[in-house]
Every structure is written in C-alpha cells, then in structure tokens.
N, C-alpha and C. Protein backbone atom coordinates (compact mmCIF):
# COMPACT_ATOMS: atom_id res chain seq x y z
N UNK A 1 25.15 1.13 14.82
CA UNK A 1 25.15 1.87 16.08
C UNK A 1 23.70 2.17 16.48
N UNK A 2 23.43 2.04 17.77
CA UNK A 2 22.12 2.33 18.31
C UNK A 2 21.90 3.86 18.32
N UNK A 3 20.67 4.27 18.06
CA UNK A 3 20.35 5.70 18.04
C UNK A 3 19.32 6.01 19.12
N UNK A 4 19.24 7.28 19.48
CA UNK A 4 18.24 7.73 20.44
C UNK A 4 16.84 7.43 19.92
N UNK A 5 16.64 7.61 18.62
CA UNK A 5 15.34 7.36 18.02
C UNK A 5 14.95 5.89 18.11
N UNK A 6 15.91 4.99 17.91
CA UNK A 6 15.58 3.57 17.98
C UNK A 6 15.25 3.14 19.41
N UNK A 7 15.94 3.72 20.39
CA UNK A 7 15.63 3.44 21.79
C UNK A 7 14.22 3.94 22.12
N UNK A 8 13.93 5.16 21.68
CA UNK A 8 12.61 5.75 21.93
C UNK A 8 11.52 4.87 21.33
N UNK A 9 11.68 4.45 20.10
CA UNK A 9 10.69 3.61 19.43
C UNK A 9 10.52 2.28 20.17
N UNK A 10 11.62 1.71 20.61
CA UNK A 10 11.57 0.44 21.32
C UNK A 10 10.77 0.57 22.62
N UNK A 11 11.00 1.63 23.37
CA UNK A 11 10.26 1.85 24.62
C UNK A 11 8.78 2.08 24.32
N UNK A 12 8.50 2.93 23.34
CA UNK A 12 7.10 3.24 23.00
C UNK A 12 6.34 2.01 22.52
N UNK A 13 7.03 1.09 21.88
CA UNK A 13 6.39 -0.13 21.39
C UNK A 13 6.09 -1.10 22.53
N UNK A 14 6.96 -1.14 23.52
CA UNK A 14 6.84 -2.13 24.60
C UNK A 14 6.01 -1.65 25.79
N UNK A 15 5.82 -0.35 25.92
CA UNK A 15 5.11 0.19 27.08
C UNK A 15 4.06 1.21 26.63
N UNK A 16 3.03 1.39 27.46
CA UNK A 16 2.06 2.46 27.25
C UNK A 16 2.67 3.73 27.85
N UNK A 17 3.05 4.68 27.01
CA UNK A 17 3.71 5.90 27.48
C UNK A 17 2.98 7.14 26.98
N UNK A 18 2.92 8.13 27.83
CA UNK A 18 2.38 9.42 27.44
C UNK A 18 3.46 10.26 26.76
N UNK A 19 4.71 10.01 27.17
CA UNK A 19 5.83 10.77 26.61
C UNK A 19 7.10 9.96 26.73
N UNK A 20 7.90 9.95 25.66
CA UNK A 20 9.24 9.36 25.70
C UNK A 20 10.15 10.31 24.94
N UNK A 21 11.18 10.80 25.62
CA UNK A 21 12.19 11.64 24.97
C UNK A 21 13.55 11.02 25.26
N UNK A 22 14.31 10.75 24.21
CA UNK A 22 15.64 10.15 24.38
C UNK A 22 16.63 10.98 23.59
N UNK A 23 17.76 11.29 24.22
CA UNK A 23 18.87 11.97 23.55
C UNK A 23 20.13 11.18 23.84
N UNK A 24 21.11 11.30 22.96
CA UNK A 24 22.36 10.61 23.22
C UNK A 24 23.32 10.69 22.07
N UNK A 25 24.52 10.17 22.33
CA UNK A 25 25.60 10.26 21.35
C UNK A 25 25.94 8.91 20.71
N UNK A 26 25.09 7.91 20.92
CA UNK A 26 25.37 6.58 20.39
C UNK A 26 25.96 5.65 21.43
N UNK A 27 26.45 6.20 22.53
CA UNK A 27 27.02 5.38 23.61
C UNK A 27 26.32 5.66 24.94
N UNK A 28 26.08 6.93 25.22
CA UNK A 28 25.43 7.34 26.45
C UNK A 28 24.13 8.06 26.10
N UNK A 29 23.06 7.69 26.82
CA UNK A 29 21.75 8.24 26.51
C UNK A 29 21.08 8.78 27.77
N UNK A 30 20.24 9.78 27.58
CA UNK A 30 19.38 10.33 28.63
C UNK A 30 17.94 10.20 28.15
N UNK A 31 17.06 9.76 29.06
CA UNK A 31 15.67 9.56 28.68
C UNK A 31 14.73 10.12 29.74
N UNK A 32 13.63 10.69 29.27
CA UNK A 32 12.50 11.06 30.13
C UNK A 32 11.34 10.19 29.65
N UNK A 33 10.76 9.45 30.59
CA UNK A 33 9.68 8.54 30.24
C UNK A 33 8.52 8.79 31.19
N UNK A 34 7.36 9.09 30.62
CA UNK A 34 6.15 9.32 31.40
C UNK A 34 5.17 8.21 31.07
N UNK A 35 4.77 7.45 32.11
CA UNK A 35 3.88 6.32 31.88
C UNK A 35 3.02 6.06 33.11
N UNK A 36 1.76 5.76 32.87
CA UNK A 36 0.86 5.36 33.95
C UNK A 36 1.28 4.02 34.55
N UNK A 37 2.08 3.24 33.81
CA UNK A 37 2.58 1.97 34.32
C UNK A 37 3.48 2.15 35.54
N UNK A 38 3.97 3.36 35.76
CA UNK A 38 4.86 3.63 36.90
C UNK A 38 4.08 3.87 38.20
N UNK A 39 2.77 4.05 38.09
CA UNK A 39 1.93 4.35 39.26
C UNK A 39 2.12 3.29 40.33
N UNK A 40 2.40 3.73 41.57
CA UNK A 40 2.53 2.82 42.70
C UNK A 40 3.85 2.07 42.77
N UNK A 41 4.77 2.38 41.87
CA UNK A 41 6.07 1.71 41.86
C UNK A 41 7.16 2.68 42.29
N UNK A 42 8.17 2.17 42.98
CA UNK A 42 9.30 3.03 43.34
C UNK A 42 10.21 3.20 42.13
N UNK A 43 11.22 4.04 42.26
CA UNK A 43 12.08 4.37 41.12
C UNK A 43 12.78 3.13 40.56
N UNK A 44 13.26 2.25 41.43
CA UNK A 44 13.94 1.04 40.97
C UNK A 44 12.98 0.18 40.14
N UNK A 45 11.76 0.01 40.62
CA UNK A 45 10.77 -0.78 39.88
C UNK A 45 10.41 -0.13 38.55
N UNK A 46 10.34 1.20 38.53
CA UNK A 46 10.06 1.91 37.28
C UNK A 46 11.18 1.68 36.28
N UNK A 47 12.41 1.78 36.73
CA UNK A 47 13.56 1.58 35.83
C UNK A 47 13.60 0.13 35.34
N UNK A 48 13.23 -0.82 36.21
CA UNK A 48 13.20 -2.22 35.80
C UNK A 48 12.19 -2.44 34.67
N UNK A 49 11.06 -1.73 34.72
CA UNK A 49 10.07 -1.82 33.63
C UNK A 49 10.69 -1.37 32.31
N UNK A 50 11.46 -0.28 32.35
CA UNK A 50 12.09 0.23 31.13
C UNK A 50 13.17 -0.73 30.65
N UNK A 51 13.98 -1.24 31.58
CA UNK A 51 15.02 -2.22 31.20
C UNK A 51 14.39 -3.45 30.56
N UNK A 52 13.26 -3.90 31.12
CA UNK A 52 12.55 -5.05 30.55
C UNK A 52 12.05 -4.71 29.15
N UNK A 53 11.56 -3.49 28.96
CA UNK A 53 11.09 -3.06 27.64
C UNK A 53 12.23 -3.07 26.63
N UNK A 54 13.42 -2.70 27.06
CA UNK A 54 14.57 -2.66 26.16
C UNK A 54 15.18 -4.04 25.94
N UNK A 55 14.90 -4.95 26.86
CA UNK A 55 15.33 -6.34 26.70
C UNK A 55 16.82 -6.51 26.46
N UNK A 56 17.16 -7.33 25.47
CA UNK A 56 18.55 -7.66 25.18
C UNK A 56 19.36 -6.46 24.71
N UNK A 57 18.68 -5.42 24.26
CA UNK A 57 19.41 -4.23 23.81
C UNK A 57 20.24 -3.65 24.96
N UNK A 58 19.73 -3.79 26.20
CA UNK A 58 20.47 -3.27 27.35
C UNK A 58 21.78 -4.03 27.55
N UNK A 59 21.79 -5.31 27.22
CA UNK A 59 22.99 -6.12 27.41
C UNK A 59 23.96 -5.98 26.24
N UNK A 60 23.40 -5.78 25.04
CA UNK A 60 24.23 -5.89 23.85
C UNK A 60 24.56 -4.56 23.18
N UNK A 61 23.62 -3.61 23.18
CA UNK A 61 23.80 -2.41 22.36
C UNK A 61 23.94 -1.12 23.15
N UNK A 62 23.26 -1.02 24.28
CA UNK A 62 23.21 0.26 24.99
C UNK A 62 24.24 0.25 26.10
N UNK A 63 25.23 1.12 25.97
CA UNK A 63 26.31 1.18 26.95
C UNK A 63 25.83 1.79 28.27
N UNK A 64 25.12 2.91 28.19
CA UNK A 64 24.64 3.58 29.41
C UNK A 64 23.40 4.40 29.09
N UNK A 65 22.42 4.31 29.98
CA UNK A 65 21.23 5.14 29.83
C UNK A 65 20.84 5.68 31.20
N UNK A 66 20.64 6.97 31.26
CA UNK A 66 20.18 7.63 32.47
C UNK A 66 18.72 7.98 32.25
N UNK A 67 17.88 7.61 33.22
CA UNK A 67 16.44 7.79 33.03
C UNK A 67 15.83 8.65 34.12
N UNK A 68 14.85 9.44 33.70
CA UNK A 68 13.95 10.11 34.63
C UNK A 68 12.58 9.53 34.31
N UNK A 69 12.01 8.80 35.26
CA UNK A 69 10.71 8.16 35.05
C UNK A 69 9.67 8.85 35.92
N UNK A 70 8.53 9.15 35.31
CA UNK A 70 7.47 9.88 36.00
C UNK A 70 6.11 9.32 35.63
N UNK A 71 5.17 9.41 36.59
CA UNK A 71 3.78 9.13 36.26
C UNK A 71 3.22 10.37 35.57
N UNK A 72 2.08 10.25 34.89
CA UNK A 72 1.48 11.43 34.27
C UNK A 72 1.21 12.55 35.28
N UNK A 73 0.81 12.19 36.50
CA UNK A 73 0.54 13.20 37.52
C UNK A 73 1.81 13.93 37.93
N UNK A 74 2.90 13.17 38.09
CA UNK A 74 4.18 13.80 38.44
C UNK A 74 4.65 14.71 37.31
N UNK A 75 4.47 14.29 36.07
CA UNK A 75 4.87 15.09 34.91
C UNK A 75 4.08 16.41 34.89
N UNK A 76 2.79 16.31 35.17
CA UNK A 76 1.95 17.50 35.20
C UNK A 76 2.44 18.48 36.29
N UNK A 77 2.78 17.93 37.47
CA UNK A 77 3.29 18.76 38.56
C UNK A 77 4.59 19.46 38.18
N UNK A 78 5.49 18.72 37.53
CA UNK A 78 6.79 19.28 37.14
C UNK A 78 6.60 20.42 36.14
N UNK A 79 5.66 20.27 35.21
CA UNK A 79 5.47 21.27 34.15
C UNK A 79 4.58 22.43 34.54
N UNK A 80 3.99 22.39 35.72
CA UNK A 80 3.14 23.51 36.16
C UNK A 80 3.77 24.31 37.28
N UNK A 81 5.05 24.18 37.46
CA UNK A 81 5.74 24.95 38.50
C UNK A 81 6.31 26.22 37.93
C-alpha cells in the first residue's frame, strides 16, 4: 500500500520544493506543495508538474490526491495573515 510518506519522498526527489506535506489513509491523500517551479504557472500547470513528478504512481498506486500548490511567495503571504 502506498503511504503519505512515500508520496512525499517521491515529490521531494523529483522537484525542487521548499515544503511538501502529505497526509492520507492509503487511498485518498491531501498535499501542500511549495515550490519555486510553480512561479508563472496557473494551477492546472502546477498540478501537472506534480503529476509528472509522481509518474506511473498516479496511474497505478494513488487513487486520489488533492493538492494545494503554492509558490514560496504565496506560502509566505498565507502564513503571515
């Protein structure tokens, strides 16, 4: 069974991230991903980067993942409110 930790490690290995937090029950996962790679990209493009990072795991192992993707600047704004 896929774990939140294995998803987190996979994303961190494939992308330059300032923060990756993944929680889940083995079937459904929630993730917060902060990366400068998201700069200048819309939400769909950001999610595509993460799907690409997860590769075949998205087709074979991960049933559902909900993501919040942010640039470092957006993350800073969210945490200083």
